[in-house]
Amino acid sequence: MKRISFLKKYAILFLFVFIISTPFCHMETLTTVQASEIQPLSDDIRWIYYQKDGALYRRLYNYSTNSWIGSWERVK
């Protein structure tokens, strides 16, 4: 019987702390952001592949600045 009481006390304490520490979000405080106001924090850099004469080549391309990075390198 003591064990159940012990568990109940800690469960109630845990729930109380969880409820108190949970921030409350009100709809009045939410703001809307236009898509033009959002700026990425990092560049979008991806590999570009092409095949020539049975050999596979790749090169990095920066889609944020629309520019190539480095030179073509043979993969296979």
N, C-alpha and C. Protein backbone atom coordinates (compact mmCIF):
# COMPACT_ATOMS: atom_id res chain seq x y z
N MET A 1 0.82 -1.18 0.00
CA MET A 1 0.00 0.00 0.00
C MET A 1 0.87 1.26 0.00
N LYS A 2 2.01 1.20 0.73
CA LYS A 2 2.89 2.36 0.76
C LYS A 2 3.50 2.62 -0.62
N ARG A 3 3.80 1.57 -1.36
CA ARG A 3 4.41 1.71 -2.68
C ARG A 3 3.47 2.46 -3.62
N ILE A 4 2.21 2.17 -3.62
CA ILE A 4 1.25 2.87 -4.47
C ILE A 4 1.18 4.34 -4.06
N SER A 5 1.17 4.60 -2.82
CA SER A 5 1.14 5.97 -2.34
C SER A 5 2.41 6.71 -2.75
N PHE A 6 3.54 6.05 -2.66
CA PHE A 6 4.82 6.63 -3.06
C PHE A 6 4.81 6.98 -4.55
N LEU A 7 4.34 6.06 -5.38
CA LEU A 7 4.28 6.30 -6.82
C LEU A 7 3.28 7.42 -7.16
N LYS A 8 2.17 7.46 -6.47
CA LYS A 8 1.18 8.50 -6.71
C LYS A 8 1.75 9.87 -6.39
N LYS A 9 2.50 9.98 -5.31
CA LYS A 9 3.09 11.26 -4.92
C LYS A 9 4.05 11.75 -5.99
N TYR A 10 4.92 10.86 -6.48
CA TYR A 10 5.88 11.27 -7.49
C TYR A 10 5.22 11.55 -8.84
N ALA A 11 4.17 10.83 -9.16
CA ALA A 11 3.45 11.09 -10.41
C ALA A 11 2.78 12.46 -10.36
N ILE A 12 2.16 12.78 -9.25
CA ILE A 12 1.52 14.09 -9.08
C ILE A 12 2.57 15.19 -9.09
N LEU A 13 3.69 14.98 -8.44
CA LEU A 13 4.77 15.97 -8.43
C LEU A 13 5.31 16.18 -9.85
N PHE A 14 5.52 15.11 -10.59
CA PHE A 14 6.00 15.22 -11.97
C PHE A 14 5.00 15.98 -12.84
N LEU A 15 3.74 15.65 -12.76
CA LEU A 15 2.73 16.36 -13.55
C LEU A 15 2.65 17.84 -13.17
N PHE A 16 2.75 18.13 -11.91
CA PHE A 16 2.69 19.52 -11.45
C PHE A 16 3.86 20.32 -12.02
N VAL A 17 5.06 19.76 -11.94
CA VAL A 17 6.25 20.44 -12.48
C VAL A 17 6.14 20.58 -13.99
N PHE A 18 5.66 19.56 -14.66
CA PHE A 18 5.51 19.61 -16.11
C PHE A 18 4.50 20.68 -16.53
N ILE A 19 3.38 20.76 -15.85
CA ILE A 19 2.35 21.75 -16.19
C ILE A 19 2.85 23.16 -15.90
N ILE A 20 3.54 23.36 -14.80
CA ILE A 20 4.04 24.69 -14.45
C ILE A 20 5.13 25.14 -15.43
N SER A 21 5.98 24.21 -15.86
CA SER A 21 7.10 24.59 -16.71
C SER A 21 6.72 24.72 -18.19
N THR A 22 5.53 24.27 -18.57
CA THR A 22 5.09 24.35 -19.96
C THR A 22 4.68 25.79 -20.28
N PRO A 23 5.29 26.37 -21.32
CA PRO A 23 4.90 27.74 -21.69
C PRO A 23 3.52 27.76 -22.32
N PHE A 24 2.83 28.84 -22.10
CA PHE A 24 1.50 29.01 -22.66
C PHE A 24 1.60 29.85 -23.92
N CYS A 25 0.93 29.42 -24.95
CA CYS A 25 0.96 30.13 -26.24
C CYS A 25 -0.41 30.72 -26.49
N HIS A 26 -0.46 32.02 -26.66
CA HIS A 26 -1.71 32.70 -26.94
C HIS A 26 -1.75 33.09 -28.41
N MET A 27 -2.89 33.00 -29.00
CA MET A 27 -3.03 33.32 -30.42
C MET A 27 -2.73 34.79 -30.70
N GLU A 28 -2.90 35.68 -29.73
CA GLU A 28 -2.65 37.10 -29.95
C GLU A 28 -1.16 37.39 -30.14
N THR A 29 -0.31 36.55 -29.59
CA THR A 29 1.12 36.81 -29.66
C THR A 29 1.77 36.26 -30.92
N LEU A 30 1.06 35.45 -31.70
CA LEU A 30 1.62 34.88 -32.91
C LEU A 30 1.66 35.94 -34.01
N THR A 31 2.75 35.97 -34.76
CA THR A 31 2.87 36.93 -35.84
C THR A 31 3.03 36.18 -37.16
N THR A 32 2.64 36.82 -38.24
CA THR A 32 2.80 36.23 -39.55
C THR A 32 4.03 36.84 -40.22
N VAL A 33 4.71 36.04 -41.02
CA VAL A 33 5.92 36.47 -41.70
C VAL A 33 5.72 36.31 -43.20
N GLN A 34 6.08 37.31 -43.95
CA GLN A 34 5.99 37.23 -45.40
C GLN A 34 7.13 36.36 -45.92
N ALA A 35 6.91 35.71 -47.05
CA ALA A 35 7.94 34.84 -47.63
C ALA A 35 9.18 35.64 -48.04
N SER A 36 9.01 36.90 -48.38
CA SER A 36 10.15 37.72 -48.79
C SER A 36 11.05 38.09 -47.61
N GLU A 37 10.56 37.94 -46.39
CA GLU A 37 11.34 38.28 -45.20
C GLU A 37 12.23 37.13 -44.74
N ILE A 38 12.01 35.93 -45.27
CA ILE A 38 12.76 34.75 -44.86
C ILE A 38 14.02 34.64 -45.70
N GLN A 39 15.16 34.50 -45.03
CA GLN A 39 16.43 34.35 -45.71
C GLN A 39 17.13 33.09 -45.20
N PRO A 40 17.65 32.27 -46.11
CA PRO A 40 18.33 31.06 -45.66
C PRO A 40 19.64 31.41 -44.95
N LEU A 41 20.02 30.58 -43.99
CA LEU A 41 21.24 30.81 -43.24
C LEU A 41 22.46 30.20 -43.91
N SER A 42 22.24 29.23 -44.78
CA SER A 42 23.38 28.60 -45.46
C SER A 42 23.07 28.47 -46.94
N ASP A 43 24.12 28.33 -47.73
CA ASP A 43 23.97 28.18 -49.17
C ASP A 43 23.45 26.79 -49.52
N ASP A 44 22.73 26.72 -50.63
CA ASP A 44 22.23 25.46 -51.15
C ASP A 44 23.24 24.93 -52.16
N ILE A 45 24.10 24.01 -51.72
CA ILE A 45 25.18 23.48 -52.55
C ILE A 45 24.93 22.00 -52.80
N ARG A 46 24.90 21.63 -54.11
CA ARG A 46 24.66 20.24 -54.48
C ARG A 46 25.59 19.83 -55.60
N TRP A 47 25.77 18.51 -55.72
CA TRP A 47 26.61 17.96 -56.79
C TRP A 47 25.80 17.93 -58.08
N ILE A 48 26.45 18.26 -59.19
CA ILE A 48 25.89 18.11 -60.54
C ILE A 48 26.70 17.02 -61.23
N TYR A 49 26.02 16.05 -61.82
CA TYR A 49 26.69 14.93 -62.48
C TYR A 49 26.43 14.97 -63.97
N TYR A 50 27.41 14.54 -64.76
CA TYR A 50 27.19 14.29 -66.18
C TYR A 50 28.11 13.18 -66.63
N GLN A 51 27.69 12.51 -67.69
CA GLN A 51 28.43 11.36 -68.19
C GLN A 51 28.93 11.69 -69.60
N LYS A 52 30.21 11.42 -69.83
CA LYS A 52 30.81 11.69 -71.12
C LYS A 52 31.74 10.54 -71.47
N ASP A 53 31.51 9.93 -72.61
CA ASP A 53 32.33 8.81 -73.09
C ASP A 53 32.42 7.68 -72.07
N GLY A 54 31.34 7.39 -71.38
CA GLY A 54 31.30 6.29 -70.42
C GLY A 54 31.90 6.63 -69.06
N ALA A 55 32.41 7.84 -68.88
CA ALA A 55 32.98 8.25 -67.60
C ALA A 55 32.01 9.21 -66.90
N LEU A 56 31.89 9.08 -65.60
CA LEU A 56 30.99 9.91 -64.81
C LEU A 56 31.78 11.04 -64.15
N TYR A 57 31.32 12.27 -64.31
CA TYR A 57 31.96 13.44 -63.74
C TYR A 57 30.98 14.15 -62.81
N ARG A 58 31.55 14.87 -61.84
CA ARG A 58 30.71 15.66 -60.93
C ARG A 58 31.38 16.99 -60.63
N ARG A 59 30.53 17.97 -60.24
CA ARG A 59 31.03 19.29 -59.89
C ARG A 59 30.02 19.94 -58.94
N LEU A 60 30.52 20.66 -57.96
CA LEU A 60 29.64 21.34 -57.01
C LEU A 60 29.04 22.58 -57.64
N TYR A 61 27.74 22.80 -57.35
CA TYR A 61 27.05 23.99 -57.84
C TYR A 61 26.33 24.65 -56.67
N ASN A 62 26.50 25.97 -56.54
CA ASN A 62 25.85 26.75 -55.50
C ASN A 62 24.58 27.35 -56.08
N TYR A 63 23.42 26.79 -55.67
CA TYR A 63 22.14 27.27 -56.18
C TYR A 63 21.75 28.62 -55.57
N SER A 64 22.33 29.00 -54.46
CA SER A 64 22.02 30.29 -53.84
C SER A 64 22.61 31.45 -54.64
N THR A 65 23.82 31.26 -55.14
CA THR A 65 24.49 32.31 -55.90
C THR A 65 24.55 32.01 -57.40
N ASN A 66 24.01 30.86 -57.82
CA ASN A 66 24.03 30.42 -59.21
C ASN A 66 25.45 30.43 -59.78
N SER A 67 26.37 29.78 -59.08
CA SER A 67 27.76 29.75 -59.52
C SER A 67 28.36 28.37 -59.25
N TRP A 68 29.36 28.03 -60.06
CA TRP A 68 30.07 26.77 -59.90
C TRP A 68 31.12 26.89 -58.79
N ILE A 69 31.38 25.75 -58.15
CA ILE A 69 32.41 25.68 -57.12
C ILE A 69 33.41 24.61 -57.56
N GLY A 70 34.66 24.98 -57.73
CA GLY A 70 35.69 24.02 -58.13
C GLY A 70 35.59 23.65 -59.59
N SER A 71 36.21 22.53 -59.94
CA SER A 71 36.21 22.08 -61.33
C SER A 71 35.62 20.68 -61.41
N TRP A 72 35.40 20.22 -62.63
CA TRP A 72 34.85 18.88 -62.82
C TRP A 72 35.86 17.84 -62.37
N GLU A 73 35.37 16.81 -61.68
CA GLU A 73 36.24 15.71 -61.26
C GLU A 73 35.60 14.39 -61.68
N ARG A 74 36.47 13.46 -62.05
CA ARG A 74 35.99 12.16 -62.51
C ARG A 74 35.63 11.30 -61.32
N VAL A 75 34.44 10.67 -61.38
CA VAL A 75 33.97 9.80 -60.30
C VAL A 75 34.29 8.35 -60.62
N LYS A 76 33.93 7.89 -61.81
CA LYS A 76 34.18 6.50 -62.23
C LYS A 76 34.78 6.49 -63.59
